[in-house]
Amino acid sequence: MRISSFISLAALAMFLPQGGLLAAGDQEVIYENRLRPIADARPLLGDLPRYVEPIREKTRFEAPILVHDKDADLEVRAWRFSYNARGIVEIPNRLSAKRTAVIVVHPWGIDDGQGWKTPEPAGVAFACTLDKNQICLEHMKEVINPFLKALRGRVGLVAYSLPGKEDPIRRKIYRSFGRQPTSEERRAGARELATKLGEFQYRGESVPWQLRISEFKPAADYFRQTTAGFENLGKDFNVFLVGDATLATFPACDTPRFATTAAVAFASLDVLITQMSWIRPGPVPRRNR
């Protein structure tokens, strides 16, 4: 089985291998990038307002089909924001489900009763605080898990991209492209993981009372010592980001709605955005020759 497309969650996104050079057997074609205005378009990402604030952009266009597999049976409509077009461009895509993989990108399990806990008395993990971690766990239960179940058995693969490198314990627990652990190995790995997490000291340092800052760059030194960084994901693929299965961190807010919408809106400059109701398994019209 040859996997050619990926849908990843949390960001839930659909990945396509990056272009630039034609793969063996590929044939270069001309894409007619003709944009048709969409009148009275409904807001985007409007199905789950608790987690994502709907996107309202008055200038909307529809482009021709971009991805159209020969044996297409999975419809994925997506959109991007184009500075050149001065608006949002919606693009239909028709994929082969058996050559599509659903990938949960870096799933976390903190404060979920499985072992990992937020450090005390200070410090952050996952979405920052206990209350916000609970919102993320509810999002996984109400949004991501049902979406995974709906596509499992329909697509070629459902998999998880875990943070960090493979360690001896997780090597025993999780199946990978490199090996398939036995049932006994998985049970042993689960026991070792429970022991490891039980030994961990879930304590963070208190908020520092004093900081060393320079005379000429005090603000830069302040944030360098009090702010956590992050790494961008998905650099190796062209991405269809599933906006309403995405949840951004939301510091200084009691809801992820606006932070998530802002993150998705900025992402739309570089990747195609879709939403769960736009991913529809089933027969799709054949490719026009």
C-alpha atoms as a PDB file:
ATOM      1  CA  MET A   1       0.000   0.000   0.000  1.00  0.00           C
ATOM      2  CA  ARG A   2       1.386   3.408  -0.978  1.00  0.00           C
ATOM      3  CA  ILE A   3       0.327   6.235   1.334  1.00  0.00           C
ATOM      4  CA  SER A   4       0.210   9.549  -0.519  1.00  0.00           C
ATOM      5  CA  SER A   5      -1.884  11.777   1.749  1.00  0.00           C
ATOM      6  CA  PHE A   6      -1.980  12.367   5.490  1.00  0.00           C
ATOM      7  CA  ILE A   7      -4.649  13.811   7.795  1.00  0.00           C
ATOM      8  CA  SER A   8      -3.155  14.863  11.114  1.00  0.00           C
ATOM      9  CA  LEU A   9      -4.953  15.812  14.336  1.00  0.00           C
ATOM     10  CA  ALA A  10      -4.375  18.329  16.972  1.00  0.00           C
ATOM     11  CA  ALA A  11      -3.485  19.992  14.563  1.00  0.00           C
ATOM     12  CA  LEU A  12      -5.631  17.617  12.673  1.00  0.00           C
ATOM     13  CA  ALA A  13      -4.155  18.087   9.244  1.00  0.00           C
ATOM     14  CA  MET A  14      -3.945  16.352   5.962  1.00  0.00           C
ATOM     15  CA  PHE A  15      -0.409  16.110   4.684  1.00  0.00           C
ATOM     16  CA  LEU A  16       0.749  15.706   1.118  1.00  0.00           C
ATOM     17  CA  PRO A  17       4.425  15.074   0.259  1.00  0.00           C
ATOM     18  CA  GLN A  18       6.134  18.323  -0.654  1.00  0.00           C
ATOM     19  CA  GLY A  19       6.365  19.198  -4.303  1.00  0.00           C
ATOM     20  CA  GLY A  20       9.057  20.870  -6.326  1.00  0.00           C
ATOM     21  CA  LEU A  21      10.403  17.820  -8.158  1.00  0.00           C
ATOM     22  CA  LEU A  22       8.271  15.294  -9.998  1.00  0.00           C
ATOM     23  CA  ALA A  23       8.402  11.787  -8.590  1.00  0.00           C
ATOM     24  CA  ALA A  24       9.149   8.859 -10.873  1.00  0.00           C
ATOM     25  CA  GLY A  25       6.174   8.225 -13.119  1.00  0.00           C
ATOM     26  CA  ASP A  26       4.539  11.595 -12.421  1.00  0.00           C
ATOM     27  CA  GLN A  27       3.433  13.725 -15.321  1.00  0.00           C
ATOM     28  CA  GLU A  28       3.473  17.506 -15.177  1.00  0.00           C
ATOM     29  CA  VAL A  29       0.120  19.125 -15.906  1.00  0.00           C
ATOM     30  CA  ILE A  30      -1.210  22.677 -16.119  1.00  0.00           C
ATOM     31  CA  TYR A  31      -3.474  23.776 -13.267  1.00  0.00           C
ATOM     32  CA  GLU A  32      -6.049  26.331 -14.372  1.00  0.00           C
ATOM     33  CA  ASN A  33      -6.048  28.699 -11.396  1.00  0.00           C
ATOM     34  CA  ARG A  34      -9.316  30.410 -12.265  1.00  0.00           C
ATOM     35  CA  LEU A  35     -11.111  31.908  -9.291  1.00  0.00           C
ATOM     36  CA  ARG A  36     -14.894  32.155  -9.133  1.00  0.00           C
ATOM     37  CA  PRO A  37     -16.374  34.588  -6.581  1.00  0.00           C
ATOM     38  CA  ILE A  38     -18.603  32.989  -3.913  1.00  0.00           C
ATOM     39  CA  ALA A  39     -21.623  35.106  -3.018  1.00  0.00           C
ATOM     40  CA  ASP A  40     -23.124  35.090   0.493  1.00  0.00           C
ATOM     41  CA  ALA A  41     -20.661  32.491   1.814  1.00  0.00           C
ATOM     42  CA  ARG A  42     -21.245  31.177   5.331  1.00  0.00           C
ATOM     43  CA  PRO A  43     -18.549  31.643   8.020  1.00  0.00           C
ATOM     44  CA  LEU A  44     -15.780  29.052   8.026  1.00  0.00           C
ATOM     45  CA  LEU A  45     -15.136  26.753  11.008  1.00  0.00           C
ATOM     46  CA  GLY A  46     -18.591  27.470  12.388  1.00  0.00           C
ATOM     47  CA  ASP A  47     -19.478  23.972  13.644  1.00  0.00           C
ATOM     48  CA  LEU A  48     -17.731  24.085  17.042  1.00  0.00           C
ATOM     49  CA  PRO A  49     -17.901  27.656  18.398  1.00  0.00           C
ATOM     50  CA  ARG A  50     -16.895  26.544  21.910  1.00  0.00           C
ATOM     51  CA  TYR A  51     -13.417  25.707  20.645  1.00  0.00           C
ATOM     52  CA  VAL A  52     -13.005  27.748  17.451  1.00  0.00           C
ATOM     53  CA  GLU A  53     -14.388  31.202  16.722  1.00  0.00           C
ATOM     54  CA  PRO A  54     -15.900  31.165  13.187  1.00  0.00           C
ATOM     55  CA  ILE A  55     -13.869  32.915  10.509  1.00  0.00           C
ATOM     56  CA  ARG A  56     -15.715  35.687   8.708  1.00  0.00           C
ATOM     57  CA  GLU A  57     -14.060  37.000   5.539  1.00  0.00           C
ATOM     58  CA  LYS A  58     -16.316  38.718   3.060  1.00  0.00           C
ATOM     59  CA  THR A  59     -14.120  38.106  -0.006  1.00  0.00           C
ATOM     60  CA  ARG A  60     -14.293  34.424  -0.954  1.00  0.00           C
ATOM     61  CA  PHE A  61     -13.433  32.539  -4.142  1.00  0.00           C
ATOM     62  CA  GLU A  62     -13.626  28.941  -5.367  1.00  0.00           C
ATOM     63  CA  ALA A  63     -10.782  27.426  -7.380  1.00  0.00           C
ATOM     64  CA  PRO A  64     -10.825  24.237  -9.498  1.00  0.00           C
ATOM     65  CA  ILE A  65     -10.037  20.824  -8.005  1.00  0.00           C
ATOM     66  CA  LEU A  66      -6.385  20.591  -6.965  1.00  0.00           C
ATOM     67  CA  VAL A  67      -5.847  16.984  -5.770  1.00  0.00           C
ATOM     68  CA  HIS A  68      -7.830  14.387  -7.728  1.00  0.00           C
ATOM     69  CA  ASP A  69      -6.776  10.762  -7.312  1.00  0.00           C
ATOM     70  CA  LYS A  70      -7.859   8.222  -9.924  1.00  0.00           C
ATOM     71  CA  ASP A  71      -9.690   6.056  -7.382  1.00  0.00           C
ATOM     72  CA  ALA A  72     -10.994   8.981  -5.327  1.00  0.00           C
ATOM     73  CA  ASP A  73     -13.516   8.156  -2.605  1.00  0.00           C
ATOM     74  CA  LEU A  74     -12.707  10.819   0.007  1.00  0.00           C
ATOM     75  CA  GLU A  75     -13.748  14.412  -0.586  1.00  0.00           C
ATOM     76  CA  VAL A  76     -11.759  17.102   1.252  1.00  0.00           C
ATOM     77  CA  ARG A  77     -12.673  20.716   0.613  1.00  0.00           C
ATOM     78  CA  ALA A  78     -10.083  23.191   1.888  1.00  0.00           C
ATOM     79  CA  TRP A  79      -9.237  26.876   1.849  1.00  0.00           C
ATOM     80  CA  ARG A  80      -6.354  29.279   2.120  1.00  0.00           C
ATOM     81  CA  PHE A  81      -5.999  33.043   2.443  1.00  0.00           C
ATOM     82  CA  SER A  82      -4.314  34.676  -0.538  1.00  0.00           C
ATOM     83  CA  TYR A  83      -2.841  38.160  -0.310  1.00  0.00           C
ATOM     84  CA  ASN A  84      -2.623  38.102  -4.083  1.00  0.00           C
ATOM     85  CA  ALA A  85      -6.356  37.394  -4.475  1.00  0.00           C
ATOM     86  CA  ARG A  86      -7.156  39.589  -1.470  1.00  0.00           C
ATOM     87  CA  GLY A  87      -9.413  36.982   0.033  1.00  0.00           C
ATOM     88  CA  ILE A  88     -10.016  33.333   0.912  1.00  0.00           C
ATOM     89  CA  VAL A  89      -9.724  30.749  -1.840  1.00  0.00           C
ATOM     90  CA  GLU A  90     -11.686  27.508  -1.393  1.00  0.00           C
ATOM     91  CA  ILE A  91     -10.367  24.427  -3.217  1.00  0.00           C
ATOM     92  CA  PRO A  92     -12.101  21.042  -3.669  1.00  0.00           C
ATOM     93  CA  ASN A  93      -9.907  17.919  -3.364  1.00  0.00           C
ATOM     94  CA  ARG A  94     -10.759  14.282  -4.092  1.00  0.00           C
ATOM     95  CA  LEU A  95      -8.481  11.715  -2.478  1.00  0.00           C
ATOM     96  CA  SER A  96      -8.099   7.973  -2.427  1.00  0.00           C
ATOM     97  CA  ALA A  97      -9.060   6.896   1.119  1.00  0.00           C
ATOM     98  CA  LYS A  98      -6.919   3.758   1.023  1.00  0.00           C
ATOM     99  CA  ARG A  99      -3.867   5.901   0.265  1.00  0.00           C
ATOM    100  CA  THR A 100      -4.643   8.431   2.995  1.00  0.00           C
ATOM    101  CA  ALA A 101      -3.343   8.289   6.568  1.00  0.00           C
ATOM    102  CA  VAL A 102      -4.859  10.013   9.605  1.00  0.00           C
ATOM    103  CA  ILE A 103      -2.069  11.211  11.907  1.00  0.00           C
ATOM    104  CA  VAL A 104      -2.555  12.587  15.429  1.00  0.00           C
ATOM    105  CA  VAL A 105       0.378  14.980  15.766  1.00  0.00           C
ATOM    106  CA  HIS A 106       2.067  14.947  19.188  1.00  0.00           C
ATOM    107  CA  PRO A 107      -0.900  13.869  21.331  1.00  0.00           C
ATOM    108  CA  TRP A 108      -0.510  14.731  25.002  1.00  0.00           C
ATOM    109  CA  GLY A 109      -2.056  13.099  28.050  1.00  0.00           C
ATOM    110  CA  ILE A 110      -1.611  15.339  31.093  1.00  0.00           C
ATOM    111  CA  ASP A 111      -3.976  15.476  34.064  1.00  0.00           C
ATOM    112  CA  ASP A 112      -5.981  12.659  32.472  1.00  0.00           C
ATOM    113  CA  GLY A 113      -5.447  10.077  35.224  1.00  0.00           C
ATOM    114  CA  GLN A 114      -2.790   8.165  33.293  1.00  0.00           C
ATOM    115  CA  GLY A 115       0.246   9.460  35.188  1.00  0.00           C
ATOM    116  CA  TRP A 116       1.461  12.790  33.870  1.00  0.00           C
ATOM    117  CA  LYS A 117       0.452  15.734  36.051  1.00  0.00           C
ATOM    118  CA  THR A 118       0.856  19.492  35.976  1.00  0.00           C
ATOM    119  CA  PRO A 119       3.893  20.540  38.051  1.00  0.00           C
ATOM    120  CA  GLU A 120       3.302  22.417  41.301  1.00  0.00           C
ATOM    121  CA  PRO A 121       3.521  25.032  42.738  1.00  0.00           C
ATOM    122  CA  ALA A 122       4.327  26.793  39.478  1.00  0.00           C
ATOM    123  CA  GLY A 123       5.193  25.950  35.908  1.00  0.00           C
ATOM    124  CA  VAL A 124       3.062  24.767  33.018  1.00  0.00           C
ATOM    125  CA  ALA A 125       2.386  21.629  31.029  1.00  0.00           C
ATOM    126  CA  PHE A 126       0.221  21.023  27.978  1.00  0.00           C
ATOM    127  CA  ALA A 127      -2.229  23.965  27.764  1.00  0.00           C
ATOM    128  CA  CYS A 128      -0.793  25.709  30.850  1.00  0.00           C
ATOM    129  CA  THR A 129      -3.129  25.195  33.814  1.00  0.00           C
ATOM    130  CA  LEU A 130      -5.308  22.417  35.257  1.00  0.00           C
ATOM    131  CA  ASP A 131      -8.525  24.105  34.099  1.00  0.00           C
ATOM    132  CA  LYS A 132      -7.203  24.644  30.576  1.00  0.00           C
ATOM    133  CA  ASN A 133      -5.869  21.110  30.385  1.00  0.00           C
ATOM    134  CA  GLN A 134      -9.397  19.932  31.165  1.00  0.00           C
ATOM    135  CA  ILE A 135     -10.763  21.923  28.229  1.00  0.00           C
ATOM    136  CA  CYS A 136      -8.191  20.270  25.949  1.00  0.00           C
ATOM    137  CA  LEU A 137      -9.143  16.823  27.239  1.00  0.00           C
ATOM    138  CA  GLU A 138     -12.817  17.593  26.586  1.00  0.00           C
ATOM    139  CA  HIS A 139     -11.892  18.688  23.053  1.00  0.00           C
ATOM    140  CA  MET A 140     -10.150  15.350  22.506  1.00  0.00           C
ATOM    141  CA  LYS A 141     -13.180  13.454  23.816  1.00  0.00           C
ATOM    142  CA  GLU A 142     -15.859  15.468  22.022  1.00  0.00           C
ATOM    143  CA  VAL A 143     -14.086  16.302  18.762  1.00  0.00           C
ATOM    144  CA  ILE A 144     -10.919  14.380  17.944  1.00  0.00           C
ATOM    145  CA  ASN A 145     -11.848  10.886  19.133  1.00  0.00           C
ATOM    146  CA  PRO A 146     -15.227  10.748  17.305  1.00  0.00           C
ATOM    147  CA  PHE A 147     -13.511  12.036  14.164  1.00  0.00           C
ATOM    148  CA  LEU A 148     -10.867   9.308  14.397  1.00  0.00           C
ATOM    149  CA  LYS A 149     -13.526   6.647  14.889  1.00  0.00           C
ATOM    150  CA  ALA A 150     -15.464   7.909  11.871  1.00  0.00           C
ATOM    151  CA  LEU A 151     -12.436   7.519   9.590  1.00  0.00           C
ATOM    152  CA  ARG A 152     -10.874   4.395  11.120  1.00  0.00           C
ATOM    153  CA  GLY A 153     -11.455   1.499   8.727  1.00  0.00           C
ATOM    154  CA  ARG A 154     -12.119   3.891   5.856  1.00  0.00           C
ATOM    155  CA  VAL A 155      -8.578   5.265   5.416  1.00  0.00           C
ATOM    156  CA  GLY A 156      -5.363   3.361   4.886  1.00  0.00           C
ATOM    157  CA  LEU A 157      -3.833   4.157   8.264  1.00  0.00           C
ATOM    158  CA  VAL A 158      -4.580   5.816  11.612  1.00  0.00           C
ATOM    159  CA  ALA A 159      -1.357   6.636  13.469  1.00  0.00           C
ATOM    160  CA  TYR A 160       0.191   8.928  16.077  1.00  0.00           C
ATOM    161  CA  SER A 161       3.275  11.112  15.839  1.00  0.00           C
ATOM    162  CA  LEU A 162       4.774  11.165  19.337  1.00  0.00           C
ATOM    163  CA  PRO A 163       7.060  13.924  20.683  1.00  0.00           C
ATOM    164  CA  GLY A 164      10.769  13.309  21.094  1.00  0.00           C
ATOM    165  CA  LYS A 165      12.742  10.250  20.012  1.00  0.00           C
ATOM    166  CA  GLU A 166      11.831   6.613  20.555  1.00  0.00           C
ATOM    167  CA  ASP A 167      12.944   5.508  24.038  1.00  0.00           C
ATOM    168  CA  PRO A 168      13.184   1.918  25.355  1.00  0.00           C
ATOM    169  CA  ILE A 169       9.828   2.062  27.150  1.00  0.00           C
ATOM    170  CA  ARG A 170       7.769   3.545  24.340  1.00  0.00           C
ATOM    171  CA  ARG A 171       9.519   1.211  21.907  1.00  0.00           C
ATOM    172  CA  LYS A 172       7.837  -1.654  23.762  1.00  0.00           C
ATOM    173  CA  ILE A 173       4.409  -0.017  23.939  1.00  0.00           C
ATOM    174  CA  TYR A 174       3.835   1.481  20.516  1.00  0.00           C
ATOM    175  CA  ARG A 175       3.816  -0.069  17.088  1.00  0.00           C
ATOM    176  CA  SER A 176       5.842   1.834  14.511  1.00  0.00           C
ATOM    177  CA  PHE A 177       6.914   1.628  10.909  1.00  0.00           C
ATOM    178  CA  GLY A 178      10.104  -0.007  12.154  1.00  0.00           C
ATOM    179  CA  ARG A 179       8.761  -2.759  14.405  1.00  0.00           C
ATOM    180  CA  GLN A 180       5.671  -4.454  15.837  1.00  0.00           C
ATOM    181  CA  PRO A 181       6.017  -5.231  19.584  1.00  0.00           C
ATOM    182  CA  THR A 182       4.461  -8.425  20.873  1.00  0.00           C
ATOM    183  CA  SER A 183       1.538  -8.453  23.299  1.00  0.00           C
ATOM    184  CA  GLU A 184       3.887  -9.353  26.131  1.00  0.00           C
ATOM    185  CA  GLU A 185       6.253  -6.509  25.226  1.00  0.00           C
ATOM    186  CA  ARG A 186       3.356  -4.046  25.243  1.00  0.00           C
ATOM    187  CA  ARG A 187       2.181  -5.238  28.671  1.00  0.00           C
ATOM    188  CA  ALA A 188       5.746  -5.003  30.027  1.00  0.00           C
ATOM    189  CA  GLY A 189       6.157  -1.534  28.540  1.00  0.00           C
ATOM    190  CA  ALA A 190       2.906  -0.351  30.144  1.00  0.00           C
ATOM    191  CA  ARG A 191       4.104  -1.557  33.542  1.00  0.00           C
ATOM    192  CA  GLU A 192       7.480   0.143  33.094  1.00  0.00           C
ATOM    193  CA  LEU A 193       5.798   3.383  32.010  1.00  0.00           C
ATOM    194  CA  ALA A 194       3.513   3.391  35.061  1.00  0.00           C
ATOM    195  CA  THR A 195       6.545   2.892  37.310  1.00  0.00           C
ATOM    196  CA  LYS A 196       8.507   5.622  35.528  1.00  0.00           C
ATOM    197  CA  LEU A 197       5.697   8.156  35.764  1.00  0.00           C
ATOM    198  CA  GLY A 198       5.104   7.259  39.409  1.00  0.00           C
ATOM    199  CA  GLU A 199       8.736   8.008  40.244  1.00  0.00           C
ATOM    200  CA  PHE A 200       8.722  11.390  38.541  1.00  0.00           C
ATOM    201  CA  GLN A 201       8.626  14.453  40.805  1.00  0.00           C
ATOM    202  CA  TYR A 202       5.861  16.688  39.504  1.00  0.00           C
ATOM    203  CA  ARG A 203       7.223  19.842  41.013  1.00  0.00           C
ATOM    204  CA  GLY A 204       8.068  23.031  39.212  1.00  0.00           C
ATOM    205  CA  GLU A 205      10.203  25.841  40.517  1.00  0.00           C
ATOM    206  CA  SER A 206       8.455  28.706  42.219  1.00  0.00           C
ATOM    207  CA  VAL A 207       8.130  31.976  40.355  1.00  0.00           C
ATOM    208  CA  PRO A 208      11.624  33.547  40.575  1.00  0.00           C
ATOM    209  CA  TRP A 209      11.917  36.486  42.938  1.00  0.00           C
ATOM    210  CA  GLN A 210      14.997  37.891  41.242  1.00  0.00           C
ATOM    211  CA  LEU A 211      16.217  37.949  37.624  1.00  0.00           C
ATOM    212  CA  ARG A 212      19.564  39.014  36.182  1.00  0.00           C
ATOM    213  CA  ILE A 213      18.911  41.534  33.437  1.00  0.00           C
ATOM    214  CA  SER A 214      21.175  43.809  31.425  1.00  0.00           C
ATOM    215  CA  GLU A 215      21.088  47.565  31.628  1.00  0.00           C
ATOM    216  CA  PHE A 216      20.422  48.026  27.912  1.00  0.00           C
ATOM    217  CA  LYS A 217      18.177  45.012  27.129  1.00  0.00           C
ATOM    218  CA  PRO A 218      16.088  44.446  30.257  1.00  0.00           C
ATOM    219  CA  ALA A 219      12.898  43.422  28.425  1.00  0.00           C
ATOM    220  CA  ALA A 220      14.695  40.866  26.231  1.00  0.00           C
ATOM    221  CA  ASP A 221      16.421  39.322  29.258  1.00  0.00           C
ATOM    222  CA  TYR A 222      13.178  39.289  31.230  1.00  0.00           C
ATOM    223  CA  PHE A 223      11.283  37.285  28.603  1.00  0.00           C
ATOM    224  CA  ARG A 224      14.255  35.009  27.942  1.00  0.00           C
ATOM    225  CA  GLN A 225      14.106  33.863  31.562  1.00  0.00           C
ATOM    226  CA  THR A 226      10.322  33.670  31.977  1.00  0.00           C
ATOM    227  CA  THR A 227       8.955  32.342  28.665  1.00  0.00           C
ATOM    228  CA  ALA A 228       8.827  28.801  27.268  1.00  0.00           C
ATOM    229  CA  GLY A 229       9.558  28.222  23.582  1.00  0.00           C
ATOM    230  CA  PHE A 230       8.137  25.764  21.067  1.00  0.00           C
ATOM    231  CA  GLU A 231       8.989  24.093  17.787  1.00  0.00           C
ATOM    232  CA  ASN A 232       6.916  24.302  14.646  1.00  0.00           C
ATOM    233  CA  LEU A 233       5.587  21.026  13.299  1.00  0.00           C
ATOM    234  CA  GLY A 234       4.792  19.809   9.847  1.00  0.00           C
ATOM    235  CA  LYS A 235       7.804  21.344   8.101  1.00  0.00           C
ATOM    236  CA  ASP A 236       8.286  18.354   5.810  1.00  0.00           C
ATOM    237  CA  PHE A 237       4.840  18.268   4.230  1.00  0.00           C
ATOM    238  CA  ASN A 238       2.264  20.307   2.403  1.00  0.00           C
ATOM    239  CA  VAL A 239      -0.581  20.420   4.921  1.00  0.00           C
ATOM    240  CA  PHE A 240      -4.350  20.431   4.923  1.00  0.00           C
ATOM    241  CA  LEU A 241      -4.942  21.680   8.476  1.00  0.00           C
ATOM    242  CA  VAL A 242      -8.309  20.642   9.921  1.00  0.00           C
ATOM    243  CA  GLY A 243      -9.145  23.855  11.709  1.00  0.00           C
ATOM    244  CA  ASP A 244     -11.940  22.696  14.004  1.00  0.00           C
ATOM    245  CA  ALA A 245      -9.868  19.740  15.235  1.00  0.00           C
ATOM    246  CA  THR A 246      -7.084  22.133  16.194  1.00  0.00           C
ATOM    247  CA  LEU A 247      -6.667  23.743  19.603  1.00  0.00           C
ATOM    248  CA  ALA A 248      -4.155  26.506  20.258  1.00  0.00           C
ATOM    249  CA  THR A 249      -2.846  27.343  23.709  1.00  0.00           C
ATOM    250  CA  PHE A 250      -4.756  30.264  25.180  1.00  0.00           C
ATOM    251  CA  PRO A 251      -2.810  32.171  27.856  1.00  0.00           C
ATOM    252  CA  ALA A 252      -4.633  35.050  29.562  1.00  0.00           C
ATOM    253  CA  CYS A 253      -7.998  33.796  28.234  1.00  0.00           C
ATOM    254  CA  ASP A 254     -10.683  31.468  29.567  1.00  0.00           C
ATOM    255  CA  THR A 255     -11.553  30.048  26.133  1.00  0.00           C
ATOM    256  CA  PRO A 256      -9.443  28.706  23.234  1.00  0.00           C
ATOM    257  CA  ARG A 257     -11.857  30.096  20.609  1.00  0.00           C
ATOM    258  CA  PHE A 258     -10.056  33.259  19.639  1.00  0.00           C
ATOM    259  CA  ALA A 259      -6.472  31.996  20.001  1.00  0.00           C
ATOM    260  CA  THR A 260      -7.289  28.988  17.831  1.00  0.00           C
ATOM    261  CA  THR A 261      -8.967  31.093  15.168  1.00  0.00           C
ATOM    262  CA  ALA A 262      -6.019  33.489  15.055  1.00  0.00           C
ATOM    263  CA  ALA A 263      -3.563  30.574  14.761  1.00  0.00           C
ATOM    264  CA  VAL A 264      -5.588  28.957  11.986  1.00  0.00           C
ATOM    265  CA  ALA A 265      -5.990  32.257  10.141  1.00  0.00           C
ATOM    266  CA  PHE A 266      -2.240  32.891  10.128  1.00  0.00           C
ATOM    267  CA  ALA A 267      -1.590  29.276   9.107  1.00  0.00           C
ATOM    268  CA  SER A 268      -3.864  29.766   6.098  1.00  0.00           C
ATOM    269  CA  LEU A 269      -1.188  31.926   4.510  1.00  0.00           C
ATOM    270  CA  ASP A 270       1.000  28.840   4.079  1.00  0.00           C
ATOM    271  CA  VAL A 271      -1.259  25.752   4.181  1.00  0.00           C
ATOM    272  CA  LEU A 272      -4.723  24.696   3.108  1.00  0.00           C
ATOM    273  CA  ILE A 273      -7.355  24.674   5.858  1.00  0.00           C
ATOM    274  CA  THR A 274     -10.256  22.234   5.989  1.00  0.00           C
ATOM    275  CA  GLN A 275     -12.854  21.292   8.613  1.00  0.00           C
ATOM    276  CA  MET A 276     -14.406  18.020   9.712  1.00  0.00           C
ATOM    277  CA  SER A 277     -17.713  18.536   7.885  1.00  0.00           C
ATOM    278  CA  TRP A 278     -15.741  19.092   4.666  1.00  0.00           C
ATOM    279  CA  ILE A 279     -14.096  15.648   4.832  1.00  0.00           C
ATOM    280  CA  ARG A 280     -16.640  13.270   3.346  1.00  0.00           C
ATOM    281  CA  PRO A 281     -15.938   9.611   2.568  1.00  0.00           C
ATOM    282  CA  GLY A 282     -17.868   8.044  -0.283  1.00  0.00           C
ATOM    283  CA  PRO A 283     -17.962   7.961  -4.083  1.00  0.00           C
ATOM    284  CA  VAL A 284     -16.900  11.170  -5.798  1.00  0.00           C
ATOM    285  CA  PRO A 285     -17.224  12.132  -9.470  1.00  0.00           C
ATOM    286  CA  ARG A 286     -14.626  10.633 -11.768  1.00  0.00           C
ATOM    287  CA  ARG A 287     -11.728  12.632 -13.089  1.00  0.00           C
ATOM    288  CA  ASN A 288     -12.471  14.449 -16.347  1.00  0.00           C
ATOM    289  CA  ARG A 289     -10.040  13.539 -19.092  1.00  0.00           C
END
